[in-house]
Amino acid sequence: METIEQNNEARIAVEPGFVWGRQDAYLFDIDGTLLRSRDRVHFESFASSVKRVTGFEVTLAGVVLHGSTDTAILREACGKAGIPADILEPQVTAILEGMCRNVAVRRHEMDLVLMPGVKETLSYLAERGALLGVATGNLEMIGWIKIEEAGLREWFRFGGFSDQFPVRSELVRHAARKARELAGAEARVCVVGDTPRDIEAARANGLPVIAVATGHYTFDALLECRPEVCASSLAGLLAMSRNMP
């Protein structure tokens, strides 16, 4: 993999022959890739909804959140709290619906920060005719609320979410299928994410991936997973592309 250092700050590694800005469709993860939350609205929706629906107390302490899905996080937290599966499973739908309602009511409490270069990168890709979608572990309503509150809704036409697809590879598969319905059966679809799980999900579906170190994982940790592109940020990746002859 070719590694490019830019201004001793932006680190970018690109597989030879892969042109990151010339794919037909892109599936963007949300948290850590497009934005980060400085609030606890989404985080607190798990415990409050479980308590309201089941009466049990749960915590997300010790649950791996980065790269997971809301449905997987919910089940892991409930398992750690000792809630039997035969009690939890019949109420999962009600809990998820409660989470969505909770976030919708509190959406104006959200404090979202865009990652560097996000709007510029979306504009750059859209100007080249690329189809943009999301592939996120968020529940659908929560994912779209974040996108809307961050001022990004105009860019995205479709998505894959964890409501019906608790496994990340499955929601990526769904989003990729939708992308090809819209862009053509032979469309080149690329995943953009910030965790090893995004890379694994892309690989499971035979898709290339752009990994950005704007979330929990470092550039070097992501590079070990061998994505087609690894960048310290979308801003650095875009700047490199614009500076190339």
C-alpha atoms as a PDB file:
ATOM      1  CA  MET A   1       0.000   0.000   0.000  1.00  0.00           C
ATOM      2  CA  GLU A   2       1.301   3.435  -0.908  1.00  0.00           C
ATOM      3  CA  THR A   3       1.533   5.800   2.065  1.00  0.00           C
ATOM      4  CA  ILE A   4       1.498   9.556   1.589  1.00  0.00           C
ATOM      5  CA  GLU A   5       2.417  12.070   4.281  1.00  0.00           C
ATOM      6  CA  GLN A   6       0.983  15.569   3.821  1.00  0.00           C
ATOM      7  CA  ASN A   7       2.248  18.557   5.828  1.00  0.00           C
ATOM      8  CA  ASN A   8       3.342  16.102   8.554  1.00  0.00           C
ATOM      9  CA  GLU A   9      -0.303  16.006   9.659  1.00  0.00           C
ATOM     10  CA  ALA A  10      -2.573  14.201   7.190  1.00  0.00           C
ATOM     11  CA  ARG A  11      -1.697  10.538   6.782  1.00  0.00           C
ATOM     12  CA  ILE A  12      -3.120   8.757   3.765  1.00  0.00           C
ATOM     13  CA  ALA A  13      -2.522   5.274   2.425  1.00  0.00           C
ATOM     14  CA  VAL A  14      -4.029   4.168  -0.880  1.00  0.00           C
ATOM     15  CA  GLU A  15      -3.894   0.787  -2.578  1.00  0.00           C
ATOM     16  CA  PRO A  16      -2.242   1.182  -5.981  1.00  0.00           C
ATOM     17  CA  GLY A  17      -4.824   1.448  -8.741  1.00  0.00           C
ATOM     18  CA  PHE A  18      -7.747   2.334  -6.491  1.00  0.00           C
ATOM     19  CA  VAL A  19      -9.221   5.758  -7.297  1.00  0.00           C
ATOM     20  CA  TRP A  20     -11.211   6.674  -4.228  1.00  0.00           C
ATOM     21  CA  GLY A  21     -13.155   9.552  -5.786  1.00  0.00           C
ATOM     22  CA  ARG A  22     -14.339   7.631  -8.858  1.00  0.00           C
ATOM     23  CA  GLN A  23     -16.719   5.079  -7.372  1.00  0.00           C
ATOM     24  CA  ASP A  24     -20.381   5.090  -8.399  1.00  0.00           C
ATOM     25  CA  ALA A  25     -21.893   4.970  -4.906  1.00  0.00           C
ATOM     26  CA  TYR A  26     -20.680   5.465  -1.331  1.00  0.00           C
ATOM     27  CA  LEU A  27     -22.103   4.074   1.896  1.00  0.00           C
ATOM     28  CA  PHE A  28     -21.153   6.297   4.830  1.00  0.00           C
ATOM     29  CA  ASP A  29     -21.144   5.265   8.450  1.00  0.00           C
ATOM     30  CA  ILE A  30     -22.482   8.053  10.698  1.00  0.00           C
ATOM     31  CA  ASP A  31     -20.905   8.108  14.169  1.00  0.00           C
ATOM     32  CA  GLY A  32     -17.164   8.714  14.029  1.00  0.00           C
ATOM     33  CA  THR A  33     -17.194   9.030  10.253  1.00  0.00           C
ATOM     34  CA  LEU A  34     -19.583  11.880   9.454  1.00  0.00           C
ATOM     35  CA  LEU A  35     -20.046  13.313  12.924  1.00  0.00           C
ATOM     36  CA  ARG A  36     -19.673  12.877  16.649  1.00  0.00           C
ATOM     37  CA  SER A  37     -22.126  13.607  19.446  1.00  0.00           C
ATOM     38  CA  ARG A  38     -21.172  15.786  22.380  1.00  0.00           C
ATOM     39  CA  ASP A  39     -24.494  14.982  24.032  1.00  0.00           C
ATOM     40  CA  ARG A  40     -25.901  11.800  25.597  1.00  0.00           C
ATOM     41  CA  VAL A  41     -29.328  11.767  23.936  1.00  0.00           C
ATOM     42  CA  HIS A  42     -28.811   8.577  21.929  1.00  0.00           C
ATOM     43  CA  PHE A  43     -26.692   6.967  24.653  1.00  0.00           C
ATOM     44  CA  GLU A  44     -29.311   7.505  27.361  1.00  0.00           C
ATOM     45  CA  SER A  45     -32.154   6.239  25.171  1.00  0.00           C
ATOM     46  CA  PHE A  46     -31.090   2.611  25.735  1.00  0.00           C
ATOM     47  CA  ALA A  47     -31.457   2.551  29.523  1.00  0.00           C
ATOM     48  CA  SER A  48     -34.544   4.760  29.634  1.00  0.00           C
ATOM     49  CA  SER A  49     -36.420   2.676  27.065  1.00  0.00           C
ATOM     50  CA  VAL A  50     -35.483  -0.662  28.634  1.00  0.00           C
ATOM     51  CA  LYS A  51     -36.588   0.626  32.039  1.00  0.00           C
ATOM     52  CA  ARG A  52     -39.890   1.932  30.707  1.00  0.00           C
ATOM     53  CA  VAL A  53     -40.744  -1.236  28.766  1.00  0.00           C
ATOM     54  CA  THR A  54     -39.362  -3.989  31.008  1.00  0.00           C
ATOM     55  CA  GLY A  55     -38.750  -2.405  34.403  1.00  0.00           C
ATOM     56  CA  PHE A  56     -35.129  -3.599  34.367  1.00  0.00           C
ATOM     57  CA  GLU A  57     -32.130  -1.341  34.940  1.00  0.00           C
ATOM     58  CA  VAL A  58     -29.346  -1.585  32.351  1.00  0.00           C
ATOM     59  CA  THR A  59     -26.084   0.201  31.709  1.00  0.00           C
ATOM     60  CA  LEU A  60     -23.817   0.427  28.669  1.00  0.00           C
ATOM     61  CA  ALA A  61     -20.717   0.165  30.848  1.00  0.00           C
ATOM     62  CA  GLY A  62     -18.475  -2.546  29.451  1.00  0.00           C
ATOM     63  CA  VAL A  63     -20.381  -2.775  26.168  1.00  0.00           C
ATOM     64  CA  VAL A  64     -18.316  -2.223  23.019  1.00  0.00           C
ATOM     65  CA  LEU A  65     -20.070   0.607  21.204  1.00  0.00           C
ATOM     66  CA  HIS A  66     -17.663   1.529  18.413  1.00  0.00           C
ATOM     67  CA  GLY A  67     -18.636  -0.200  15.183  1.00  0.00           C
ATOM     68  CA  SER A  68     -21.539  -2.061  16.791  1.00  0.00           C
ATOM     69  CA  THR A  69     -25.249  -1.733  16.025  1.00  0.00           C
ATOM     70  CA  ASP A  70     -28.027  -0.415  18.245  1.00  0.00           C
ATOM     71  CA  THR A  71     -29.769  -3.776  18.269  1.00  0.00           C
ATOM     72  CA  ALA A  72     -26.559  -5.629  19.178  1.00  0.00           C
ATOM     73  CA  ILE A  73     -25.729  -3.060  21.881  1.00  0.00           C
ATOM     74  CA  LEU A  74     -29.210  -3.440  23.337  1.00  0.00           C
ATOM     75  CA  ARG A  75     -28.979  -7.227  23.551  1.00  0.00           C
ATOM     76  CA  GLU A  76     -25.466  -7.152  25.024  1.00  0.00           C
ATOM     77  CA  ALA A  77     -26.440  -4.592  27.671  1.00  0.00           C
ATOM     78  CA  CYS A  78     -29.526  -6.586  28.594  1.00  0.00           C
ATOM     79  CA  GLY A  79     -27.498  -9.781  28.751  1.00  0.00           C
ATOM     80  CA  LYS A  80     -25.024  -8.160  31.133  1.00  0.00           C
ATOM     81  CA  ALA A  81     -27.955  -6.976  33.243  1.00  0.00           C
ATOM     82  CA  GLY A  82     -29.200 -10.554  33.514  1.00  0.00           C
ATOM     83  CA  ILE A  83     -32.438 -10.062  31.596  1.00  0.00           C
ATOM     84  CA  PRO A  84     -33.470 -13.504  30.290  1.00  0.00           C
ATOM     85  CA  ALA A  85     -33.788 -13.777  26.523  1.00  0.00           C
ATOM     86  CA  ASP A  86     -37.328 -15.142  26.806  1.00  0.00           C
ATOM     87  CA  ILE A  87     -38.326 -11.922  28.583  1.00  0.00           C
ATOM     88  CA  LEU A  88     -36.300  -9.558  26.399  1.00  0.00           C
ATOM     89  CA  GLU A  89     -36.965 -10.820  22.880  1.00  0.00           C
ATOM     90  CA  PRO A  90     -40.770 -10.369  22.835  1.00  0.00           C
ATOM     91  CA  GLN A  91     -40.198  -6.759  23.906  1.00  0.00           C
ATOM     92  CA  VAL A  92     -37.273  -5.802  21.668  1.00  0.00           C
ATOM     93  CA  THR A  93     -39.484  -4.058  19.107  1.00  0.00           C
ATOM     94  CA  ALA A  94     -41.183  -1.991  21.814  1.00  0.00           C
ATOM     95  CA  ILE A  95     -37.804  -1.047  23.295  1.00  0.00           C
ATOM     96  CA  LEU A  96     -36.413   0.037  19.924  1.00  0.00           C
ATOM     97  CA  GLU A  97     -39.538   2.060  19.189  1.00  0.00           C
ATOM     98  CA  GLY A  98     -39.183   3.673  22.604  1.00  0.00           C
ATOM     99  CA  MET A  99     -35.577   4.589  21.868  1.00  0.00           C
ATOM    100  CA  CYS A 100     -36.624   6.284  18.644  1.00  0.00           C
ATOM    101  CA  ARG A 101     -39.395   8.233  20.366  1.00  0.00           C
ATOM    102  CA  ASN A 102     -37.015   9.292  23.113  1.00  0.00           C
ATOM    103  CA  VAL A 103     -34.436  10.620  20.657  1.00  0.00           C
ATOM    104  CA  ALA A 104     -37.107  12.324  18.538  1.00  0.00           C
ATOM    105  CA  VAL A 105     -38.444  14.181  21.581  1.00  0.00           C
ATOM    106  CA  ARG A 106     -34.942  15.225  22.650  1.00  0.00           C
ATOM    107  CA  ARG A 107     -33.483  15.870  19.193  1.00  0.00           C
ATOM    108  CA  HIS A 108     -33.007  19.580  19.861  1.00  0.00           C
ATOM    109  CA  GLU A 109     -30.759  18.704  22.794  1.00  0.00           C
ATOM    110  CA  MET A 110     -28.309  17.111  20.373  1.00  0.00           C
ATOM    111  CA  ASP A 111     -24.859  18.686  20.124  1.00  0.00           C
ATOM    112  CA  LEU A 112     -23.363  17.284  16.940  1.00  0.00           C
ATOM    113  CA  VAL A 113     -19.988  18.131  15.440  1.00  0.00           C
ATOM    114  CA  LEU A 114     -19.099  17.336  11.850  1.00  0.00           C
ATOM    115  CA  MET A 115     -15.820  15.553  11.218  1.00  0.00           C
ATOM    116  CA  PRO A 116     -13.211  17.508   9.219  1.00  0.00           C
ATOM    117  CA  GLY A 117     -13.977  17.828   5.517  1.00  0.00           C
ATOM    118  CA  VAL A 118     -17.351  16.059   5.574  1.00  0.00           C
ATOM    119  CA  LYS A 119     -19.444  18.616   3.679  1.00  0.00           C
ATOM    120  CA  GLU A 120     -16.633  19.320   1.228  1.00  0.00           C
ATOM    121  CA  THR A 121     -16.176  15.596   0.529  1.00  0.00           C
ATOM    122  CA  LEU A 122     -19.903  14.987   0.040  1.00  0.00           C
ATOM    123  CA  SER A 123     -20.057  17.931  -2.350  1.00  0.00           C
ATOM    124  CA  TYR A 124     -16.958  16.703  -4.199  1.00  0.00           C
ATOM    125  CA  LEU A 125     -18.465  13.242  -4.726  1.00  0.00           C
ATOM    126  CA  ALA A 126     -21.941  14.519  -5.605  1.00  0.00           C
ATOM    127  CA  GLU A 127     -20.501  16.865  -8.216  1.00  0.00           C
ATOM    128  CA  ARG A 128     -18.998  13.812  -9.897  1.00  0.00           C
ATOM    129  CA  GLY A 129     -22.369  12.119 -10.045  1.00  0.00           C
ATOM    130  CA  ALA A 130     -21.861   9.679  -7.193  1.00  0.00           C
ATOM    131  CA  LEU A 131     -24.849   8.276  -5.325  1.00  0.00           C
ATOM    132  CA  LEU A 132     -24.569   8.786  -1.558  1.00  0.00           C
ATOM    133  CA  GLY A 133     -26.154   6.631   1.128  1.00  0.00           C
ATOM    134  CA  VAL A 134     -25.571   5.673   4.736  1.00  0.00           C
ATOM    135  CA  ALA A 135     -24.730   2.315   6.275  1.00  0.00           C
ATOM    136  CA  THR A 136     -24.943   2.694  10.034  1.00  0.00           C
ATOM    137  CA  GLY A 137     -25.557   0.755  13.198  1.00  0.00           C
ATOM    138  CA  ASN A 138     -28.074   3.421  14.239  1.00  0.00           C
ATOM    139  CA  LEU A 139     -31.780   2.692  14.158  1.00  0.00           C
ATOM    140  CA  GLU A 140     -33.278   4.276  11.057  1.00  0.00           C
ATOM    141  CA  MET A 141     -35.185   7.099  12.753  1.00  0.00           C
ATOM    142  CA  ILE A 142     -32.216   7.949  14.972  1.00  0.00           C
ATOM    143  CA  GLY A 143     -29.782   7.862  12.059  1.00  0.00           C
ATOM    144  CA  TRP A 144     -31.866  10.227   9.953  1.00  0.00           C
ATOM    145  CA  ILE A 145     -32.413  12.553  12.910  1.00  0.00           C
ATOM    146  CA  LYS A 146     -28.646  12.855  13.350  1.00  0.00           C
ATOM    147  CA  ILE A 147     -28.161  13.460   9.634  1.00  0.00           C
ATOM    148  CA  GLU A 148     -30.868  16.122   9.637  1.00  0.00           C
ATOM    149  CA  GLU A 149     -29.676  17.871  12.784  1.00  0.00           C
ATOM    150  CA  ALA A 150     -26.132  17.938  11.369  1.00  0.00           C
ATOM    151  CA  GLY A 151     -27.361  19.612   8.171  1.00  0.00           C
ATOM    152  CA  LEU A 152     -26.434  16.725   5.877  1.00  0.00           C
ATOM    153  CA  ARG A 153     -29.805  15.358   4.762  1.00  0.00           C
ATOM    154  CA  GLU A 154     -29.665  16.869   1.264  1.00  0.00           C
ATOM    155  CA  TRP A 155     -26.787  14.600   0.313  1.00  0.00           C
ATOM    156  CA  PHE A 156     -28.238  11.182   1.138  1.00  0.00           C
ATOM    157  CA  ARG A 157     -30.908   9.237  -0.728  1.00  0.00           C
ATOM    158  CA  PHE A 158     -31.072   5.884   1.082  1.00  0.00           C
ATOM    159  CA  GLY A 159     -29.512   3.828   3.832  1.00  0.00           C
ATOM    160  CA  GLY A 160     -28.985   0.590   5.676  1.00  0.00           C
ATOM    161  CA  PHE A 161     -29.851   0.569   9.402  1.00  0.00           C
ATOM    162  CA  SER A 162     -29.916  -1.856  12.305  1.00  0.00           C
ATOM    163  CA  ASP A 163     -33.689  -2.021  12.854  1.00  0.00           C
ATOM    164  CA  GLN A 164     -33.990  -5.032  10.573  1.00  0.00           C
ATOM    165  CA  PHE A 165     -30.293  -5.844  10.220  1.00  0.00           C
ATOM    166  CA  PRO A 166     -28.615  -6.279  13.626  1.00  0.00           C
ATOM    167  CA  VAL A 167     -25.397  -7.516  12.005  1.00  0.00           C
ATOM    168  CA  ARG A 168     -23.366  -4.773  10.305  1.00  0.00           C
ATOM    169  CA  SER A 169     -22.473  -6.888   7.275  1.00  0.00           C
ATOM    170  CA  GLU A 170     -26.184  -7.453   6.659  1.00  0.00           C
ATOM    171  CA  LEU A 171     -27.104  -3.768   6.761  1.00  0.00           C
ATOM    172  CA  VAL A 172     -24.188  -3.002   4.431  1.00  0.00           C
ATOM    173  CA  ARG A 173     -25.436  -5.722   2.077  1.00  0.00           C
ATOM    174  CA  HIS A 174     -28.900  -4.180   2.111  1.00  0.00           C
ATOM    175  CA  ALA A 175     -27.535  -0.674   1.445  1.00  0.00           C
ATOM    176  CA  ALA A 176     -25.298  -1.937  -1.369  1.00  0.00           C
ATOM    177  CA  ARG A 177     -28.254  -3.706  -2.978  1.00  0.00           C
ATOM    178  CA  LYS A 178     -30.254  -0.493  -2.791  1.00  0.00           C
ATOM    179  CA  ALA A 179     -27.362   1.479  -4.280  1.00  0.00           C
ATOM    180  CA  ARG A 180     -27.243  -0.846  -7.271  1.00  0.00           C
ATOM    181  CA  GLU A 181     -31.005  -0.610  -7.728  1.00  0.00           C
ATOM    182  CA  LEU A 182     -30.578   3.161  -8.030  1.00  0.00           C
ATOM    183  CA  ALA A 183     -27.212   3.434  -9.777  1.00  0.00           C
ATOM    184  CA  GLY A 184     -27.190   0.289 -11.914  1.00  0.00           C
ATOM    185  CA  ALA A 185     -26.468  -3.380 -11.376  1.00  0.00           C
ATOM    186  CA  GLU A 186     -22.767  -2.946 -12.129  1.00  0.00           C
ATOM    187  CA  ALA A 187     -22.302   0.141  -9.955  1.00  0.00           C
ATOM    188  CA  ARG A 188     -19.059   0.304  -7.996  1.00  0.00           C
ATOM    189  CA  VAL A 189     -20.059   0.662  -4.350  1.00  0.00           C
ATOM    190  CA  CYS A 190     -17.607   1.793  -1.665  1.00  0.00           C
ATOM    191  CA  VAL A 191     -18.000   1.769   2.128  1.00  0.00           C
ATOM    192  CA  VAL A 192     -16.701   4.683   4.222  1.00  0.00           C
ATOM    193  CA  GLY A 193     -16.228   4.041   7.935  1.00  0.00           C
ATOM    194  CA  ASP A 194     -14.061   4.552  10.988  1.00  0.00           C
ATOM    195  CA  THR A 195     -13.799   1.132  12.636  1.00  0.00           C
ATOM    196  CA  PRO A 196     -12.428  -2.336  11.870  1.00  0.00           C
ATOM    197  CA  ARG A 197     -16.038  -3.554  11.882  1.00  0.00           C
ATOM    198  CA  ASP A 198     -16.822  -1.261   8.944  1.00  0.00           C
ATOM    199  CA  ILE A 199     -13.883  -2.797   7.087  1.00  0.00           C
ATOM    200  CA  GLU A 200     -14.981  -6.331   7.987  1.00  0.00           C
ATOM    201  CA  ALA A 201     -18.550  -5.622   6.818  1.00  0.00           C
ATOM    202  CA  ALA A 202     -17.276  -4.239   3.520  1.00  0.00           C
ATOM    203  CA  ARG A 203     -15.037  -7.285   3.014  1.00  0.00           C
ATOM    204  CA  ALA A 204     -17.941  -9.645   3.767  1.00  0.00           C
ATOM    205  CA  ASN A 205     -19.767  -8.070   0.831  1.00  0.00           C
ATOM    206  CA  GLY A 206     -16.819  -7.826  -1.544  1.00  0.00           C
ATOM    207  CA  LEU A 207     -16.765  -4.027  -1.353  1.00  0.00           C
ATOM    208  CA  PRO A 208     -13.811  -1.654  -1.181  1.00  0.00           C
ATOM    209  CA  VAL A 209     -13.560   0.577   1.867  1.00  0.00           C
ATOM    210  CA  ILE A 210     -12.245   3.995   2.829  1.00  0.00           C
ATOM    211  CA  ALA A 211     -11.268   4.006   6.505  1.00  0.00           C
ATOM    212  CA  VAL A 212     -10.956   7.329   8.323  1.00  0.00           C
ATOM    213  CA  ALA A 213      -9.264   7.726  11.701  1.00  0.00           C
ATOM    214  CA  THR A 214     -11.722  10.305  13.006  1.00  0.00           C
ATOM    215  CA  GLY A 215     -13.412   7.996  15.493  1.00  0.00           C
ATOM    216  CA  HIS A 216     -12.110   5.729  18.265  1.00  0.00           C
ATOM    217  CA  TYR A 217      -9.459   3.905  16.218  1.00  0.00           C
ATOM    218  CA  THR A 218      -6.074   5.263  15.191  1.00  0.00           C
ATOM    219  CA  PHE A 219      -4.748   5.460  11.657  1.00  0.00           C
ATOM    220  CA  ASP A 220      -2.292   2.638  12.358  1.00  0.00           C
ATOM    221  CA  ALA A 221      -4.962   0.374  13.853  1.00  0.00           C
ATOM    222  CA  LEU A 222      -7.161   0.835  10.781  1.00  0.00           C
ATOM    223  CA  LEU A 223      -4.233   0.426   8.404  1.00  0.00           C
ATOM    224  CA  GLU A 224      -3.585  -3.036   9.844  1.00  0.00           C
ATOM    225  CA  CYS A 225      -7.012  -4.067   8.501  1.00  0.00           C
ATOM    226  CA  ARG A 226      -5.838  -3.313   4.938  1.00  0.00           C
ATOM    227  CA  PRO A 227      -8.593  -1.015   3.636  1.00  0.00           C
ATOM    228  CA  GLU A 228      -8.244   0.251   0.072  1.00  0.00           C
ATOM    229  CA  VAL A 229      -7.809   3.734   1.540  1.00  0.00           C
ATOM    230  CA  CYS A 230      -6.793   4.735   5.054  1.00  0.00           C
ATOM    231  CA  ALA A 231      -6.837   8.430   5.924  1.00  0.00           C
ATOM    232  CA  SER A 232      -6.448  10.477   9.058  1.00  0.00           C
ATOM    233  CA  SER A 233      -9.532  12.419   7.912  1.00  0.00           C
ATOM    234  CA  LEU A 234     -11.738  13.059   4.917  1.00  0.00           C
ATOM    235  CA  ALA A 235     -10.326  16.592   4.839  1.00  0.00           C
ATOM    236  CA  GLY A 236      -6.812  15.276   4.340  1.00  0.00           C
ATOM    237  CA  LEU A 237      -7.937  12.789   1.705  1.00  0.00           C
ATOM    238  CA  LEU A 238      -9.781  15.464  -0.245  1.00  0.00           C
ATOM    239  CA  ALA A 239      -6.861  17.897  -0.021  1.00  0.00           C
ATOM    240  CA  MET A 240      -4.497  15.243  -1.344  1.00  0.00           C
ATOM    241  CA  SER A 241      -6.779  14.561  -4.308  1.00  0.00           C
ATOM    242  CA  ARG A 242      -7.112  18.230  -5.179  1.00  0.00           C
ATOM    243  CA  ASN A 243      -3.357  18.768  -4.986  1.00  0.00           C
ATOM    244  CA  MET A 244      -2.500  15.870  -7.257  1.00  0.00           C
ATOM    245  CA  PRO A 245      -1.801  16.675 -10.919  1.00  0.00           C
END
